[in-house]
Amino acid sequence: MEPGARVVTFGNGMVVREPIVAIDDEARRLVWGAEGGPMTHYNGAVQVHAEGTGSRVVWTADFLPHDASTFIGPMIDQGLAAMKKALDGSAR
């Protein structure tokens, strides 16, 4: 973490600075961008919704160029798996 951003090293070794765009505690929503890496644009948002006796997490990612999905998709899948493991463990 650094003021207003976090610096993330991904499993594939790519390092990206992610400026925090918005934090909305009431809506349980976080929005961030990305600087560095191969994309010309990245905007991500994660929001937690109450669902039944638990929660549902929705992660939205908008990025350019569109063909970056071939490597961003697997990175998002890995991030979601890590998030699920961490959150499932914290519920115990």
PDB file of N, CA and C in Angstrom:
ATOM      1  N   MET A   1       0.844  -1.182   0.000  1.00  0.00           N
ATOM      2  CA  MET A   1       0.000   0.000   0.000  1.00  0.00           C
ATOM      3  C   MET A   1       0.887   1.244   0.000  1.00  0.00           C
ATOM      4  N   GLU A   2       0.381   2.268  -0.633  1.00  0.00           N
ATOM      5  CA  GLU A   2       0.985   3.588  -0.579  1.00  0.00           C
ATOM      6  C   GLU A   2      -0.182   4.577  -0.556  1.00  0.00           C
ATOM      7  N   PRO A   3       0.043   5.828  -0.210  1.00  0.00           N
ATOM      8  CA  PRO A   3      -1.073   6.769  -0.144  1.00  0.00           C
ATOM      9  C   PRO A   3      -1.864   6.820  -1.457  1.00  0.00           C
ATOM     10  N   GLY A   4      -3.149   6.479  -1.383  1.00  0.00           N
ATOM     11  CA  GLY A   4      -4.040   6.564  -2.529  1.00  0.00           C
ATOM     12  C   GLY A   4      -3.915   5.459  -3.557  1.00  0.00           C
ATOM     13  N   ALA A   5      -3.101   4.450  -3.279  1.00  0.00           N
ATOM     14  CA  ALA A   5      -2.907   3.376  -4.268  1.00  0.00           C
ATOM     15  C   ALA A   5      -2.325   2.146  -3.576  1.00  0.00           C
ATOM     16  N   ARG A   6      -2.323   1.072  -4.338  1.00  0.00           N
ATOM     17  CA  ARG A   6      -1.608  -0.114  -3.890  1.00  0.00           C
ATOM     18  C   ARG A   6      -0.726  -0.565  -5.052  1.00  0.00           C
ATOM     19  N   VAL A   7       0.379  -1.193  -4.724  1.00  0.00           N
ATOM     20  CA  VAL A   7       1.267  -1.738  -5.736  1.00  0.00           C
ATOM     21  C   VAL A   7       1.128  -3.251  -5.653  1.00  0.00           C
ATOM     22  N   VAL A   8       0.751  -3.861  -6.776  1.00  0.00           N
ATOM     23  CA  VAL A   8       0.430  -5.284  -6.805  1.00  0.00           C
ATOM     24  C   VAL A   8       1.436  -6.023  -7.676  1.00  0.00           C
ATOM     25  N   THR A   9       1.967  -7.125  -7.161  1.00  0.00           N
ATOM     26  CA  THR A   9       2.773  -8.040  -7.950  1.00  0.00           C
ATOM     27  C   THR A   9       1.929  -9.282  -8.182  1.00  0.00           C
ATOM     28  N   PHE A  10       1.627  -9.547  -9.438  1.00  0.00           N
ATOM     29  CA  PHE A  10       0.777 -10.671  -9.803  1.00  0.00           C
ATOM     30  C   PHE A  10       1.584 -11.961  -9.872  1.00  0.00           C
ATOM     31  N   GLY A  11       0.884 -13.093  -9.903  1.00  0.00           N
ATOM     32  CA  GLY A  11       1.524 -14.397  -9.943  1.00  0.00           C
ATOM     33  C   GLY A  11       2.461 -14.577 -11.122  1.00  0.00           C
ATOM     34  N   ASN A  12       2.201 -13.865 -12.215  1.00  0.00           N
ATOM     35  CA  ASN A  12       3.063 -13.976 -13.402  1.00  0.00           C
ATOM     36  C   ASN A  12       4.248 -13.010 -13.347  1.00  0.00           C
ATOM     37  N   GLY A  13       4.401 -12.277 -12.222  1.00  0.00           N
ATOM     38  CA  GLY A  13       5.521 -11.369 -12.051  1.00  0.00           C
ATOM     39  C   GLY A  13       5.259  -9.923 -12.466  1.00  0.00           C
ATOM     40  N   MET A  14       4.141  -9.664 -13.134  1.00  0.00           N
ATOM     41  CA  MET A  14       3.828  -8.304 -13.564  1.00  0.00           C
ATOM     42  C   MET A  14       3.528  -7.433 -12.337  1.00  0.00           C
ATOM     43  N   VAL A  15       4.114  -6.232 -12.308  1.00  0.00           N
ATOM     44  CA  VAL A  15       3.904  -5.284 -11.216  1.00  0.00           C
ATOM     45  C   VAL A  15       3.105  -4.108 -11.758  1.00  0.00           C
ATOM     46  N   VAL A  16       2.023  -3.760 -11.063  1.00  0.00           N
ATOM     47  CA  VAL A  16       1.131  -2.686 -11.498  1.00  0.00           C
ATOM     48  C   VAL A  16       0.784  -1.814 -10.295  1.00  0.00           C
ATOM     49  N   ARG A  17       0.788  -0.515 -10.491  1.00  0.00           N
ATOM     50  CA  ARG A  17       0.307   0.425  -9.471  1.00  0.00           C
ATOM     51  C   ARG A  17      -1.174   0.628  -9.727  1.00  0.00           C
ATOM     52  N   GLU A  18      -1.987   0.466  -8.686  1.00  0.00           N
ATOM     53  CA  GLU A  18      -3.437   0.576  -8.811  1.00  0.00           C
ATOM     54  C   GLU A  18      -3.951   1.745  -7.970  1.00  0.00           C
ATOM     55  N   PRO A  19      -4.137   2.931  -8.592  1.00  0.00           N
ATOM     56  CA  PRO A  19      -4.697   4.062  -7.856  1.00  0.00           C
ATOM     57  C   PRO A  19      -6.133   3.763  -7.419  1.00  0.00           C
ATOM     58  N   ILE A  20      -6.442   4.106  -6.190  1.00  0.00           N
ATOM     59  CA  ILE A  20      -7.800   3.932  -5.677  1.00  0.00           C
ATOM     60  C   ILE A  20      -8.635   5.111  -6.180  1.00  0.00           C
ATOM     61  N   VAL A  21      -9.713   4.809  -6.901  1.00  0.00           N
ATOM     62  CA  VAL A  21     -10.578   5.840  -7.474  1.00  0.00           C
ATOM     63  C   VAL A  21     -11.686   6.211  -6.497  1.00  0.00           C
ATOM     64  N   ALA A  22     -12.318   5.213  -5.885  1.00  0.00           N
ATOM     65  CA  ALA A  22     -13.422   5.482  -4.962  1.00  0.00           C
ATOM     66  C   ALA A  22     -13.582   4.330  -3.982  1.00  0.00           C
ATOM     67  N   ILE A  23     -13.903   4.687  -2.745  1.00  0.00           N
ATOM     68  CA  ILE A  23     -14.273   3.711  -1.719  1.00  0.00           C
ATOM     69  C   ILE A  23     -15.609   4.158  -1.161  1.00  0.00           C
ATOM     70  N   ASP A  24     -16.593   3.287  -1.261  1.00  0.00           N
ATOM     71  CA  ASP A  24     -17.928   3.596  -0.755  1.00  0.00           C
ATOM     72  C   ASP A  24     -18.294   2.517   0.263  1.00  0.00           C
ATOM     73  N   ASP A  25     -18.056   2.808   1.539  1.00  0.00           N
ATOM     74  CA  ASP A  25     -18.319   1.828   2.587  1.00  0.00           C
ATOM     75  C   ASP A  25     -19.791   1.443   2.653  1.00  0.00           C
ATOM     76  N   GLU A  26     -20.674   2.419   2.495  1.00  0.00           N
ATOM     77  CA  GLU A  26     -22.109   2.141   2.585  1.00  0.00           C
ATOM     78  C   GLU A  26     -22.566   1.192   1.479  1.00  0.00           C
ATOM     79  N   ALA A  27     -22.090   1.403   0.262  1.00  0.00           N
ATOM     80  CA  ALA A  27     -22.444   0.532  -0.860  1.00  0.00           C
ATOM     81  C   ALA A  27     -21.563  -0.713  -0.915  1.00  0.00           C
ATOM     82  N   ARG A  28     -20.545  -0.764  -0.049  1.00  0.00           N
ATOM     83  CA  ARG A  28     -19.566  -1.866  -0.036  1.00  0.00           C
ATOM     84  C   ARG A  28     -18.958  -2.046  -1.424  1.00  0.00           C
ATOM     85  N   ARG A  29     -18.380  -0.946  -1.935  1.00  0.00           N
ATOM     86  CA  ARG A  29     -17.849  -0.892  -3.302  1.00  0.00           C
ATOM     87  C   ARG A  29     -16.487  -0.214  -3.315  1.00  0.00           C
ATOM     88  N   LEU A  30     -15.571  -0.783  -4.090  1.00  0.00           N
ATOM     89  CA  LEU A  30     -14.229  -0.255  -4.278  1.00  0.00           C
ATOM     90  C   LEU A  30     -13.962  -0.158  -5.770  1.00  0.00           C
ATOM     91  N   VAL A  31     -13.409   0.980  -6.218  1.00  0.00           N
ATOM     92  CA  VAL A  31     -13.080   1.190  -7.634  1.00  0.00           C
ATOM     93  C   VAL A  31     -11.611   1.580  -7.725  1.00  0.00           C
ATOM     94  N   TRP A  32     -10.902   1.013  -8.700  1.00  0.00           N
ATOM     95  CA  TRP A  32      -9.494   1.310  -8.885  1.00  0.00           C
ATOM     96  C   TRP A  32      -9.123   1.301 -10.360  1.00  0.00           C
ATOM     97  N   GLY A  33      -7.986   1.876 -10.653  1.00  0.00           N
ATOM     98  CA  GLY A  33      -7.436   1.866 -12.004  1.00  0.00           C
ATOM     99  C   GLY A  33      -6.144   1.073 -12.003  1.00  0.00           C
ATOM    100  N   ALA A  34      -5.378   1.181 -13.071  1.00  0.00           N
ATOM    101  CA  ALA A  34      -4.087   0.502 -13.145  1.00  0.00           C
ATOM    102  C   ALA A  34      -3.125   1.337 -13.971  1.00  0.00           C
ATOM    103  N   GLU A  35      -1.894   1.400 -13.501  1.00  0.00           N
ATOM    104  CA  GLU A  35      -0.821   2.095 -14.219  1.00  0.00           C
ATOM    105  C   GLU A  35       0.325   1.109 -14.366  1.00  0.00           C
ATOM    106  N   GLY A  36       0.833   0.974 -15.571  1.00  0.00           N
ATOM    107  CA  GLY A  36       1.882   0.006 -15.836  1.00  0.00           C
ATOM    108  C   GLY A  36       1.284  -1.217 -16.503  1.00  0.00           C
ATOM    109  N   GLY A  37       2.119  -2.093 -16.934  1.00  0.00           N
ATOM    110  CA  GLY A  37       1.627  -3.281 -17.616  1.00  0.00           C
ATOM    111  C   GLY A  37       1.274  -2.967 -19.064  1.00  0.00           C
ATOM    112  N   PRO A  38       0.732  -3.928 -19.759  1.00  0.00           N
ATOM    113  CA  PRO A  38       0.533  -3.811 -21.206  1.00  0.00           C
ATOM    114  C   PRO A  38      -0.759  -3.112 -21.650  1.00  0.00           C
ATOM    115  N   MET A  39      -1.637  -2.765 -20.715  1.00  0.00           N
ATOM    116  CA  MET A  39      -2.915  -2.186 -21.125  1.00  0.00           C
ATOM    117  C   MET A  39      -2.826  -0.671 -21.251  1.00  0.00           C
ATOM    118  N   THR A  40      -3.646  -0.122 -22.126  1.00  0.00           N
ATOM    119  CA  THR A  40      -3.732   1.325 -22.261  1.00  0.00           C
ATOM    120  C   THR A  40      -4.803   1.903 -21.343  1.00  0.00           C
ATOM    121  N   HIS A  41      -5.709   1.049 -20.851  1.00  0.00           N
ATOM    122  CA  HIS A  41      -6.770   1.483 -19.928  1.00  0.00           C
ATOM    123  C   HIS A  41      -7.194   0.293 -19.083  1.00  0.00           C
ATOM    124  N   TYR A  42      -7.398   0.542 -17.779  1.00  0.00           N
ATOM    125  CA  TYR A  42      -7.984  -0.469 -16.902  1.00  0.00           C
ATOM    126  C   TYR A  42      -8.764   0.250 -15.830  1.00  0.00           C
ATOM    127  N   ASN A  43      -9.977  -0.209 -15.594  1.00  0.00           N
ATOM    128  CA  ASN A  43     -10.811   0.272 -14.502  1.00  0.00           C
ATOM    129  C   ASN A  43     -11.486  -0.948 -13.901  1.00  0.00           C
ATOM    130  N   GLY A  44     -11.285  -1.156 -12.614  1.00  0.00           N
ATOM    131  CA  GLY A  44     -11.892  -2.296 -11.937  1.00  0.00           C
ATOM    132  C   GLY A  44     -12.787  -1.816 -10.811  1.00  0.00           C
ATOM    133  N   ALA A  45     -13.819  -2.607 -10.534  1.00  0.00           N
ATOM    134  CA  ALA A  45     -14.712  -2.325  -9.414  1.00  0.00           C
ATOM    135  C   ALA A  45     -15.105  -3.647  -8.779  1.00  0.00           C
ATOM    136  N   VAL A  46     -15.158  -3.657  -7.476  1.00  0.00           N
ATOM    137  CA  VAL A  46     -15.654  -4.816  -6.749  1.00  0.00           C
ATOM    138  C   VAL A  46     -16.713  -4.316  -5.775  1.00  0.00           C
ATOM    139  N   GLN A  47     -17.806  -5.062  -5.710  1.00  0.00           N
ATOM    140  CA  GLN A  47     -18.901  -4.684  -4.818  1.00  0.00           C
ATOM    141  C   GLN A  47     -19.444  -5.938  -4.154  1.00  0.00           C
ATOM    142  N   VAL A  48     -19.779  -5.817  -2.869  1.00  0.00           N
ATOM    143  CA  VAL A  48     -20.301  -6.929  -2.089  1.00  0.00           C
ATOM    144  C   VAL A  48     -21.794  -6.699  -1.874  1.00  0.00           C
ATOM    145  N   HIS A  49     -22.583  -7.719  -2.224  1.00  0.00           N
ATOM    146  CA  HIS A  49     -24.038  -7.666  -2.075  1.00  0.00           C
ATOM    147  C   HIS A  49     -24.479  -8.727  -1.081  1.00  0.00           C
ATOM    148  N   ALA A  50     -25.417  -8.379  -0.209  1.00  0.00           N
ATOM    149  CA  ALA A  50     -26.010  -9.371   0.674  1.00  0.00           C
ATOM    150  C   ALA A  50     -26.810 -10.353  -0.178  1.00  0.00           C
ATOM    151  N   GLU A  51     -26.673 -11.631   0.146  1.00  0.00           N
ATOM    152  CA  GLU A  51     -27.413 -12.659  -0.596  1.00  0.00           C
ATOM    153  C   GLU A  51     -27.713 -13.810   0.347  1.00  0.00           C
ATOM    154  N   GLY A  52     -29.000 -13.984   0.664  1.00  0.00           N
ATOM    155  CA  GLY A  52     -29.376 -15.035   1.600  1.00  0.00           C
ATOM    156  C   GLY A  52     -28.702 -14.801   2.940  1.00  0.00           C
ATOM    157  N   THR A  53     -28.029 -15.844   3.443  1.00  0.00           N
ATOM    158  CA  THR A  53     -27.319 -15.718   4.715  1.00  0.00           C
ATOM    159  C   THR A  53     -25.854 -15.351   4.509  1.00  0.00           C
ATOM    160  N   GLY A  54     -25.485 -15.081   3.273  1.00  0.00           N
ATOM    161  CA  GLY A  54     -24.094 -14.754   2.977  1.00  0.00           C
ATOM    162  C   GLY A  54     -23.973 -13.519   2.121  1.00  0.00           C
ATOM    163  N   SER A  55     -22.992 -13.531   1.257  1.00  0.00           N
ATOM    164  CA  SER A  55     -22.710 -12.390   0.389  1.00  0.00           C
ATOM    165  C   SER A  55     -22.326 -12.877  -0.997  1.00  0.00           C
ATOM    166  N   ARG A  56     -22.497 -11.991  -1.968  1.00  0.00           N
ATOM    167  CA  ARG A  56     -22.053 -12.234  -3.345  1.00  0.00           C
ATOM    168  C   ARG A  56     -21.129 -11.086  -3.719  1.00  0.00           C
ATOM    169  N   VAL A  57     -19.971 -11.424  -4.258  1.00  0.00           N
ATOM    170  CA  VAL A  57     -18.993 -10.427  -4.671  1.00  0.00           C
ATOM    171  C   VAL A  57     -19.016 -10.340  -6.193  1.00  0.00           C
ATOM    172  N   VAL A  58     -19.152  -9.110  -6.702  1.00  0.00           N
ATOM    173  CA  VAL A  58     -19.146  -8.871  -8.151  1.00  0.00           C
ATOM    174  C   VAL A  58     -17.923  -8.034  -8.485  1.00  0.00           C
ATOM    175  N   TRP A  59     -17.113  -8.542  -9.417  1.00  0.00           N
ATOM    176  CA  TRP A  59     -15.917  -7.845  -9.879  1.00  0.00           C
ATOM    177  C   TRP A  59     -16.133  -7.502 -11.338  1.00  0.00           C
ATOM    178  N   THR A  60     -16.064  -6.211 -11.656  1.00  0.00           N
ATOM    179  CA  THR A  60     -16.212  -5.731 -13.026  1.00  0.00           C
ATOM    180  C   THR A  60     -14.877  -5.145 -13.469  1.00  0.00           C
ATOM    181  N   ALA A  61     -14.453  -5.499 -14.687  1.00  0.00           N
ATOM    182  CA  ALA A  61     -13.193  -4.979 -15.220  1.00  0.00           C
ATOM    183  C   ALA A  61     -13.416  -4.481 -16.644  1.00  0.00           C
ATOM    184  N   ASP A  62     -13.022  -3.248 -16.881  1.00  0.00           N
ATOM    185  CA  ASP A  62     -13.052  -2.656 -18.224  1.00  0.00           C
ATOM    186  C   ASP A  62     -11.618  -2.343 -18.603  1.00  0.00           C
ATOM    187  N   PHE A  63     -11.212  -2.757 -19.803  1.00  0.00           N
ATOM    188  CA  PHE A  63      -9.824  -2.534 -20.193  1.00  0.00           C
ATOM    189  C   PHE A  63      -9.680  -2.438 -21.703  1.00  0.00           C
ATOM    190  N   LEU A  64      -8.559  -1.831 -22.092  1.00  0.00           N
ATOM    191  CA  LEU A  64      -8.154  -1.736 -23.498  1.00  0.00           C
ATOM    192  C   LEU A  64      -6.685  -2.118 -23.576  1.00  0.00           C
ATOM    193  N   PRO A  65      -6.240  -2.728 -24.628  1.00  0.00           N
ATOM    194  CA  PRO A  65      -7.009  -3.174 -25.786  1.00  0.00           C
ATOM    195  C   PRO A  65      -7.856  -4.399 -25.439  1.00  0.00           C
ATOM    196  N   HIS A  66      -8.916  -4.598 -26.194  1.00  0.00           N
ATOM    197  CA  HIS A  66      -9.851  -5.691 -25.932  1.00  0.00           C
ATOM    198  C   HIS A  66      -9.176  -7.055 -25.977  1.00  0.00           C
ATOM    199  N   ASP A  67      -8.180  -7.219 -26.852  1.00  0.00           N
ATOM    200  CA  ASP A  67      -7.544  -8.531 -26.956  1.00  0.00           C
ATOM    201  C   ASP A  67      -6.657  -8.857 -25.758  1.00  0.00           C
ATOM    202  N   ALA A  68      -6.528  -7.915 -24.812  1.00  0.00           N
ATOM    203  CA  ALA A  68      -5.805  -8.201 -23.576  1.00  0.00           C
ATOM    204  C   ALA A  68      -6.546  -9.234 -22.731  1.00  0.00           C
ATOM    205  N   SER A  69      -7.788  -9.524 -23.078  1.00  0.00           N
ATOM    206  CA  SER A  69      -8.571 -10.502 -22.324  1.00  0.00           C
ATOM    207  C   SER A  69      -7.905 -11.871 -22.304  1.00  0.00           C
ATOM    208  N   THR A  70      -7.061 -12.160 -23.292  1.00  0.00           N
ATOM    209  CA  THR A  70      -6.407 -13.466 -23.326  1.00  0.00           C
ATOM    210  C   THR A  70      -5.471 -13.668 -22.142  1.00  0.00           C
ATOM    211  N   PHE A  71      -4.868 -12.593 -21.618  1.00  0.00           N
ATOM    212  CA  PHE A  71      -4.032 -12.755 -20.429  1.00  0.00           C
ATOM    213  C   PHE A  71      -4.667 -12.161 -19.178  1.00  0.00           C
ATOM    214  N   ILE A  72      -5.565 -11.186 -19.321  1.00  0.00           N
ATOM    215  CA  ILE A  72      -6.223 -10.596 -18.149  1.00  0.00           C
ATOM    216  C   ILE A  72      -7.264 -11.556 -17.571  1.00  0.00           C
ATOM    217  N   GLY A  73      -7.989 -12.265 -18.427  1.00  0.00           N
ATOM    218  CA  GLY A  73      -9.001 -13.219 -17.954  1.00  0.00           C
ATOM    219  C   GLY A  73      -8.445 -14.212 -16.950  1.00  0.00           C
ATOM    220  N   PRO A  74      -7.349 -14.907 -17.274  1.00  0.00           N
ATOM    221  CA  PRO A  74      -6.777 -15.840 -16.303  1.00  0.00           C
ATOM    222  C   PRO A  74      -6.290 -15.159 -15.023  1.00  0.00           C
ATOM    223  N   MET A  75      -5.787 -13.925 -15.133  1.00  0.00           N
ATOM    224  CA  MET A  75      -5.341 -13.208 -13.940  1.00  0.00           C
ATOM    225  C   MET A  75      -6.529 -12.880 -13.040  1.00  0.00           C
ATOM    226  N   ILE A  76      -7.644 -12.501 -13.639  1.00  0.00           N
ATOM    227  CA  ILE A  76      -8.850 -12.225 -12.860  1.00  0.00           C
ATOM    228  C   ILE A  76      -9.355 -13.513 -12.215  1.00  0.00           C
ATOM    229  N   ASP A  77      -9.339 -14.616 -12.956  1.00  0.00           N
ATOM    230  CA  ASP A  77      -9.749 -15.908 -12.389  1.00  0.00           C
ATOM    231  C   ASP A  77      -8.905 -16.269 -11.174  1.00  0.00           C
ATOM    232  N   GLN A  78      -7.586 -16.058 -11.266  1.00  0.00           N
ATOM    233  CA  GLN A  78      -6.702 -16.338 -10.127  1.00  0.00           C
ATOM    234  C   GLN A  78      -7.016 -15.415  -8.956  1.00  0.00           C
ATOM    235  N   GLY A  79      -7.290 -14.144  -9.252  1.00  0.00           N
ATOM    236  CA  GLY A  79      -7.647 -13.198  -8.201  1.00  0.00           C
ATOM    237  C   GLY A  79      -8.942 -13.576  -7.507  1.00  0.00           C
ATOM    238  N   LEU A  80      -9.918 -14.001  -8.293  1.00  0.00           N
ATOM    239  CA  LEU A  80     -11.192 -14.428  -7.708  1.00  0.00           C
ATOM    240  C   LEU A  80     -11.014 -15.666  -6.836  1.00  0.00           C
ATOM    241  N   ALA A  81     -10.190 -16.611  -7.280  1.00  0.00           N
ATOM    242  CA  ALA A  81      -9.940 -17.820  -6.488  1.00  0.00           C
ATOM    243  C   ALA A  81      -9.260 -17.462  -5.167  1.00  0.00           C
ATOM    244  N   ALA A  82      -8.286 -16.549  -5.213  1.00  0.00           N
ATOM    245  CA  ALA A  82      -7.607 -16.117  -3.989  1.00  0.00           C
ATOM    246  C   ALA A  82      -8.572 -15.384  -3.065  1.00  0.00           C
ATOM    247  N   MET A  83      -9.432 -14.531  -3.642  1.00  0.00           N
ATOM    248  CA  MET A  83     -10.409 -13.797  -2.860  1.00  0.00           C
ATOM    249  C   MET A  83     -11.387 -14.764  -2.189  1.00  0.00           C
ATOM    250  N   LYS A  84     -11.865 -15.754  -2.941  1.00  0.00           N
ATOM    251  CA  LYS A  84     -12.806 -16.735  -2.391  1.00  0.00           C
ATOM    252  C   LYS A  84     -12.165 -17.517  -1.255  1.00  0.00           C
ATOM    253  N   LYS A  85     -10.920 -17.943  -1.450  1.00  0.00           N
ATOM    254  CA  LYS A  85     -10.221 -18.708  -0.404  1.00  0.00           C
ATOM    255  C   LYS A  85     -10.074 -17.862   0.856  1.00  0.00           C
ATOM    256  N   ALA A  86      -9.667 -16.595   0.691  1.00  0.00           N
ATOM    257  CA  ALA A  86      -9.482 -15.718   1.855  1.00  0.00           C
ATOM    258  C   ALA A  86     -10.805 -15.429   2.559  1.00  0.00           C
ATOM    259  N   LEU A  87     -11.846 -15.148   1.775  1.00  0.00           N
ATOM    260  CA  LEU A  87     -13.135 -14.800   2.374  1.00  0.00           C
ATOM    261  C   LEU A  87     -13.813 -16.013   2.994  1.00  0.00           C
ATOM    262  N   ASP A  88     -13.727 -17.154   2.346  1.00  0.00           N
ATOM    263  CA  ASP A  88     -14.307 -18.373   2.916  1.00  0.00           C
ATOM    264  C   ASP A  88     -13.615 -18.722   4.232  1.00  0.00           C
ATOM    265  N   GLY A  89     -12.304 -18.507   4.305  1.00  0.00           N
ATOM    266  CA  GLY A  89     -11.559 -18.780   5.530  1.00  0.00           C
ATOM    267  C   GLY A  89     -11.900 -17.818   6.650  1.00  0.00           C
ATOM    268  N   SER A  90     -12.226 -16.570   6.296  1.00  0.00           N
ATOM    269  CA  SER A  90     -12.557 -15.584   7.335  1.00  0.00           C
ATOM    270  C   SER A  90     -13.945 -15.794   7.899  1.00  0.00           C
ATOM    271  N   ALA A  91     -14.770 -16.586   7.217  1.00  0.00           N
ATOM    272  CA  ALA A  91     -16.141 -16.826   7.694  1.00  0.00           C
ATOM    273  C   ALA A  91     -16.179 -17.878   8.791  1.00  0.00           C
ATOM    274  N   ARG A  92     -15.088 -18.565   8.985  1.00  0.00           N
ATOM    275  CA  ARG A  92     -15.065 -19.646   9.985  1.00  0.00           C
ATOM    276  C   ARG A  92     -14.781 -19.138  11.354  1.00  0.00           C
TER     277      ARG A  92
END
